[in-house]
Amino acid sequence: MKKTIIAGLLLLSAAVLWAQNAAEIVEKADTIFTLDRMYSKSAMTITRNGKDQPVQIMESFFMKEGEVNKTMTLFLEPRRVAGTAYLSIGDDLWVRFASTGRIRKMSSSAKKNSAGGSDFSYSDMGEGNQGFGEKYSVSLEGTEKVDGLECWKILMVPRPGSSDVYEKAVAYIAKEDFTYREIDLYEDGAHIKTMSFGDFRSLKGLPYPYTISMRSLTRNSVSVVETLEIEADSPRVEPRFFSKTYLESIR
């Protein structure tokens, strides 16, 4: 009986330790995505059935106010999407549609829909620069190699009350530098998309992925976002950008 109790306590201690380790790994990996007052200009290329769509140029602004994350992404080119904007404040997401100029607050179910015809969802596009640790409970599942790099395999499950659009995610974080290399995204028990990170360069002394791609496993499509310009602690990030009033002022 004592041996059974001791064995159970050891297993429980190991589970708690692995959970702590997973949280610490994710916290370190998230650091680069949680720098304050981030400005970036990016180019997104959507490739569907082997054909590249017109490149979309966008600017993104991020700041944190207290415990609330705020992100605003504005599309600049091409003409058909110029003026489209995504505003995320905490769990709330608004979209300004370039075609009509109308602004719509997205329901939790609508957040999973394709943003601008890409493989990124509205949630993906509107909730950048927040890190994954805030949205998910994490556990260490072991190790696995990705592109020849030894990575921690981390299971991520949405926290209770979270509005996340995915049922779960499996992240691969490189042991050598605590960078996300891949994240497999699941819905209704199926692996539907994979997000990949590459072209790491130094930003505030940390490795930042200048290329982020989203590959759909349900259709022959991939969307790649390449960072053209990026600044942390940027004076270009203004509090007025993070309001519905600002979205209404876009022309």
Protein backbone atom coordinates (compact mmCIF):
# COMPACT_ATOMS: atom_id res chain seq x y z
CA MET A 1 0.00 0.00 0.00
CA LYS A 2 2.82 2.41 0.95
CA LYS A 3 4.63 1.63 -2.31
CA THR A 4 1.45 2.41 -4.26
CA ILE A 5 1.02 5.74 -2.45
CA ILE A 6 4.69 6.66 -2.96
CA ALA A 7 4.53 5.74 -6.65
CA GLY A 8 1.41 7.88 -7.04
CA LEU A 9 3.07 10.83 -5.33
CA LEU A 10 6.13 10.50 -7.54
CA LEU A 11 3.97 10.48 -10.68
CA LEU A 12 2.05 13.52 -9.41
CA SER A 13 5.30 15.36 -8.62
CA ALA A 14 6.64 14.55 -12.09
CA ALA A 15 3.43 15.82 -13.73
CA VAL A 16 3.58 19.07 -11.75
CA LEU A 17 7.27 19.53 -12.62
CA TRP A 18 6.61 18.94 -16.35
CA ALA A 19 3.74 21.45 -16.26
CA GLN A 20 6.01 24.02 -14.60
CA ASN A 21 8.75 23.35 -17.14
CA ALA A 22 6.29 23.70 -20.03
CA ALA A 23 5.03 27.04 -18.66
CA GLU A 24 8.59 28.31 -18.27
CA ILE A 25 9.52 27.22 -21.82
CA VAL A 26 6.46 28.92 -23.33
CA GLU A 27 7.05 32.07 -21.26
CA LYS A 28 10.59 32.35 -22.65
CA ALA A 29 9.43 31.65 -26.20
CA ASP A 30 6.65 34.27 -25.88
CA THR A 31 9.05 37.03 -24.80
CA ILE A 32 9.75 38.17 -28.37
CA PHE A 33 6.01 38.50 -29.10
CA THR A 34 5.26 40.56 -26.01
CA LEU A 35 7.63 43.49 -26.45
CA ASP A 36 5.65 46.70 -26.00
CA ARG A 37 4.70 49.32 -28.60
CA MET A 38 5.55 47.17 -31.59
CA TYR A 39 5.27 48.52 -35.13
CA SER A 40 5.72 46.37 -38.22
CA LYS A 41 5.21 46.54 -41.96
CA SER A 42 4.76 43.22 -43.71
CA ALA A 43 4.03 41.60 -47.06
CA MET A 44 1.66 38.64 -47.28
CA THR A 45 1.67 36.25 -50.23
CA ILE A 46 -1.13 33.72 -50.62
CA THR A 47 -0.39 30.71 -52.82
CA ARG A 48 -3.42 28.66 -53.81
CA ASN A 49 -3.27 25.61 -56.08
CA GLY A 50 0.28 26.56 -56.98
CA LYS A 51 -0.61 30.12 -58.04
CA ASP A 52 0.53 33.25 -56.18
CA GLN A 53 -2.12 35.87 -55.45
CA PRO A 54 -1.30 39.63 -55.49
CA VAL A 55 0.98 40.53 -52.57
CA GLN A 56 -0.81 42.29 -49.70
CA ILE A 57 1.04 44.99 -47.74
CA MET A 58 -0.03 45.75 -44.17
CA GLU A 59 1.03 47.73 -41.12
CA SER A 60 0.53 46.47 -37.57
CA PHE A 61 0.58 48.34 -34.27
CA PHE A 62 0.66 46.74 -30.82
CA MET A 63 0.65 48.04 -27.27
CA LYS A 64 -0.23 46.76 -23.83
CA GLU A 65 -2.30 48.85 -21.42
CA GLY A 66 -2.34 47.29 -17.98
CA GLU A 67 -3.24 43.66 -18.60
CA VAL A 68 -5.03 44.39 -21.89
CA ASN A 69 -3.35 43.67 -25.23
CA LYS A 70 -4.27 45.95 -28.13
CA THR A 71 -3.49 45.31 -31.80
CA MET A 72 -4.47 47.19 -34.94
CA THR A 73 -3.60 45.90 -38.42
CA LEU A 74 -4.26 48.03 -41.50
CA PHE A 75 -3.97 46.79 -45.10
CA LEU A 76 -2.34 49.24 -47.52
CA GLU A 77 -2.12 47.32 -50.83
CA PRO A 78 -3.41 46.16 -53.28
CA ARG A 79 -6.30 48.51 -53.96
CA ARG A 80 -9.04 45.92 -53.40
CA VAL A 81 -8.01 45.36 -49.75
CA ALA A 82 -6.60 48.82 -48.92
CA GLY A 83 -8.46 50.13 -45.89
CA THR A 84 -9.29 46.73 -44.44
CA ALA A 85 -8.39 46.80 -40.75
CA TYR A 86 -8.48 44.51 -37.73
CA LEU A 87 -8.72 45.89 -34.21
CA SER A 88 -8.20 43.58 -31.25
CA ILE A 89 -8.67 44.74 -27.65
CA GLY A 90 -8.42 41.87 -25.20
CA ASP A 91 -10.82 39.19 -26.45
CA ASP A 92 -12.84 41.62 -28.58
CA LEU A 93 -12.22 41.89 -32.32
CA TRP A 94 -13.57 44.40 -34.84
CA VAL A 95 -13.06 44.29 -38.60
CA ARG A 96 -13.35 47.22 -41.01
CA PHE A 97 -14.19 45.96 -44.49
CA ALA A 98 -12.57 47.95 -47.31
CA SER A 99 -15.34 47.12 -49.80
CA THR A 100 -18.07 48.80 -47.75
CA GLY A 101 -16.28 50.81 -45.06
CA ARG A 102 -18.50 49.10 -42.52
CA ILE A 103 -17.18 48.00 -39.13
CA ARG A 104 -18.30 44.74 -37.59
CA LYS A 105 -17.60 43.28 -34.17
CA MET A 106 -16.80 39.61 -34.75
CA SER A 107 -18.55 36.89 -32.80
CA SER A 108 -16.46 34.10 -31.30
CA SER A 109 -17.60 31.72 -34.06
CA ALA A 110 -16.78 34.20 -36.86
CA LYS A 111 -13.21 34.70 -35.61
CA LYS A 112 -12.16 31.40 -37.19
CA ASN A 113 -13.11 32.50 -40.71
CA SER A 114 -10.45 33.30 -43.31
CA ALA A 115 -8.99 36.82 -43.10
CA GLY A 116 -8.66 38.47 -46.51
CA GLY A 117 -8.80 35.14 -48.30
CA SER A 118 -5.65 33.95 -46.50
CA ASP A 119 -4.99 30.83 -44.44
CA PHE A 120 -4.81 33.00 -41.32
CA SER A 121 -8.09 33.40 -39.44
CA TYR A 122 -9.46 36.75 -38.24
CA SER A 123 -8.32 35.66 -34.79
CA ASP A 124 -4.77 34.96 -36.05
CA MET A 125 -4.53 38.34 -37.76
CA GLY A 126 -6.19 40.37 -35.03
CA GLU A 127 -4.44 38.90 -32.02
CA GLY A 128 -0.79 39.05 -32.94
CA ASN A 129 2.00 40.05 -30.55
CA GLN A 130 0.29 38.48 -27.54
CA GLY A 131 2.16 35.24 -27.08
CA PHE A 132 0.51 31.89 -26.54
CA GLY A 133 0.94 31.44 -22.78
CA GLU A 134 -1.88 33.89 -22.04
CA LYS A 135 -4.45 31.90 -23.99
CA TYR A 136 -3.43 28.30 -23.33
CA SER A 137 -2.79 25.86 -20.51
CA VAL A 138 0.38 24.01 -21.47
CA SER A 139 2.01 20.65 -20.82
CA LEU A 140 5.26 19.09 -21.96
CA GLU A 141 4.69 16.10 -24.25
CA GLY A 142 8.33 15.22 -24.95
CA THR A 143 10.86 16.20 -27.60
CA GLU A 144 10.95 16.02 -31.39
CA LYS A 145 13.18 17.26 -34.20
CA VAL A 146 11.93 20.00 -36.54
CA ASP A 147 14.17 20.91 -39.48
CA GLY A 148 17.03 19.11 -37.74
CA LEU A 149 16.61 21.05 -34.48
CA GLU A 150 15.83 19.37 -31.17
CA CYS A 151 12.56 20.87 -29.96
CA TRP A 152 10.29 20.63 -26.95
CA LYS A 153 6.83 19.39 -27.92
CA ILE A 154 4.26 21.40 -25.99
CA LEU A 155 0.53 20.65 -25.88
CA MET A 156 -1.59 23.80 -25.62
CA VAL A 157 -5.27 23.72 -24.62
CA PRO A 158 -7.41 26.90 -24.40
CA ARG A 159 -7.88 28.15 -20.85
CA PRO A 160 -11.43 28.02 -19.42
CA GLY A 161 -13.41 30.98 -20.71
CA SER A 162 -10.96 31.62 -23.55
CA SER A 163 -12.41 32.72 -26.89
CA ASP A 164 -9.67 30.97 -28.84
CA VAL A 165 -10.84 29.50 -32.14
CA TYR A 166 -8.73 26.34 -31.98
CA GLU A 167 -9.52 23.21 -30.02
CA LYS A 168 -5.84 22.74 -29.22
CA ALA A 169 -2.36 23.45 -30.53
CA VAL A 170 0.91 21.52 -30.47
CA ALA A 171 3.97 23.78 -30.43
CA TYR A 172 7.57 22.87 -31.22
CA ILE A 173 10.03 25.16 -29.44
CA ALA A 174 13.76 24.92 -30.23
CA LYS A 175 15.89 24.00 -27.23
CA GLU A 176 18.87 26.02 -28.45
CA ASP A 177 17.21 29.45 -28.45
CA PHE A 178 13.60 29.08 -27.16
CA THR A 179 12.07 30.00 -30.53
CA TYR A 180 8.80 28.67 -31.91
CA ARG A 181 9.53 26.61 -35.03
CA GLU A 182 6.11 25.11 -35.77
CA ILE A 183 2.64 25.10 -34.27
CA ASP A 184 0.07 22.50 -35.36
CA LEU A 185 -3.50 23.76 -34.98
CA TYR A 186 -6.50 21.48 -34.37
CA GLU A 187 -10.25 21.80 -34.80
CA ASP A 188 -12.86 19.07 -34.11
CA GLY A 189 -10.07 16.57 -33.45
CA ALA A 190 -8.37 17.17 -36.81
CA HIS A 191 -5.01 18.78 -37.58
CA ILE A 192 -6.15 21.56 -39.93
CA LYS A 193 -3.23 24.01 -40.19
CA THR A 194 0.46 24.38 -39.42
CA MET A 195 2.13 27.69 -38.60
CA SER A 196 5.87 27.82 -39.29
CA PHE A 197 8.50 30.37 -38.25
CA GLY A 198 11.78 31.19 -40.00
CA ASP A 199 14.39 33.80 -41.02
CA PHE A 200 15.24 34.67 -37.42
CA ARG A 201 17.00 38.00 -36.85
CA SER A 202 17.88 39.95 -33.72
CA LEU A 203 15.29 42.34 -32.28
CA LYS A 204 16.08 43.90 -28.90
CA GLY A 205 18.67 41.15 -28.47
CA LEU A 206 16.12 38.38 -29.07
CA PRO A 207 15.60 36.13 -32.14
CA TYR A 208 12.53 37.33 -34.09
CA PRO A 209 10.99 35.37 -37.01
CA TYR A 210 10.88 37.63 -40.06
CA THR A 211 8.87 34.97 -41.90
CA ILE A 212 5.67 33.36 -40.58
CA SER A 213 3.68 30.99 -42.78
CA MET A 214 0.31 29.28 -42.36
CA ARG A 215 -0.28 26.12 -44.36
CA SER A 216 -3.78 24.71 -44.69
CA LEU A 217 -4.12 20.93 -44.60
CA THR A 218 -7.72 21.07 -45.81
CA ARG A 219 -7.04 22.93 -49.06
CA ASN A 220 -4.01 23.35 -51.30
CA SER A 221 -3.01 26.71 -49.88
CA VAL A 222 -0.30 28.50 -47.91
CA SER A 223 -0.01 32.12 -46.75
CA VAL A 224 3.39 33.64 -45.98
CA VAL A 225 3.93 36.88 -44.06
CA GLU A 226 7.36 38.47 -44.48
CA THR A 227 8.40 41.33 -42.20
CA LEU A 228 9.70 44.30 -44.18
CA GLU A 229 10.22 46.63 -41.24
CA ILE A 230 9.85 46.28 -37.48
CA GLU A 231 10.41 48.42 -34.39
CA ALA A 232 10.00 47.77 -30.67
CA ASP A 233 9.20 50.73 -28.38
CA SER A 234 8.17 52.51 -31.57
CA PRO A 235 7.01 56.17 -31.48
CA ARG A 236 4.75 55.27 -34.42
CA VAL A 237 2.44 53.36 -32.06
CA GLU A 238 -0.19 55.84 -30.83
CA PRO A 239 -3.02 55.07 -28.34
CA ARG A 240 -5.58 56.66 -30.70
CA PHE A 241 -5.13 53.78 -33.17
CA PHE A 242 -6.84 51.33 -30.80
CA SER A 243 -10.44 52.48 -31.01
CA LYS A 244 -13.50 52.03 -33.17
CA THR A 245 -13.39 55.80 -33.75
CA TYR A 246 -10.04 55.42 -35.48
CA LEU A 247 -11.40 52.62 -37.68
CA GLU A 248 -14.25 54.95 -38.68
CA SER A 249 -11.70 57.62 -39.69
CA ILE A 250 -9.89 55.37 -42.18
CA ARG A 251 -10.42 56.34 -45.80
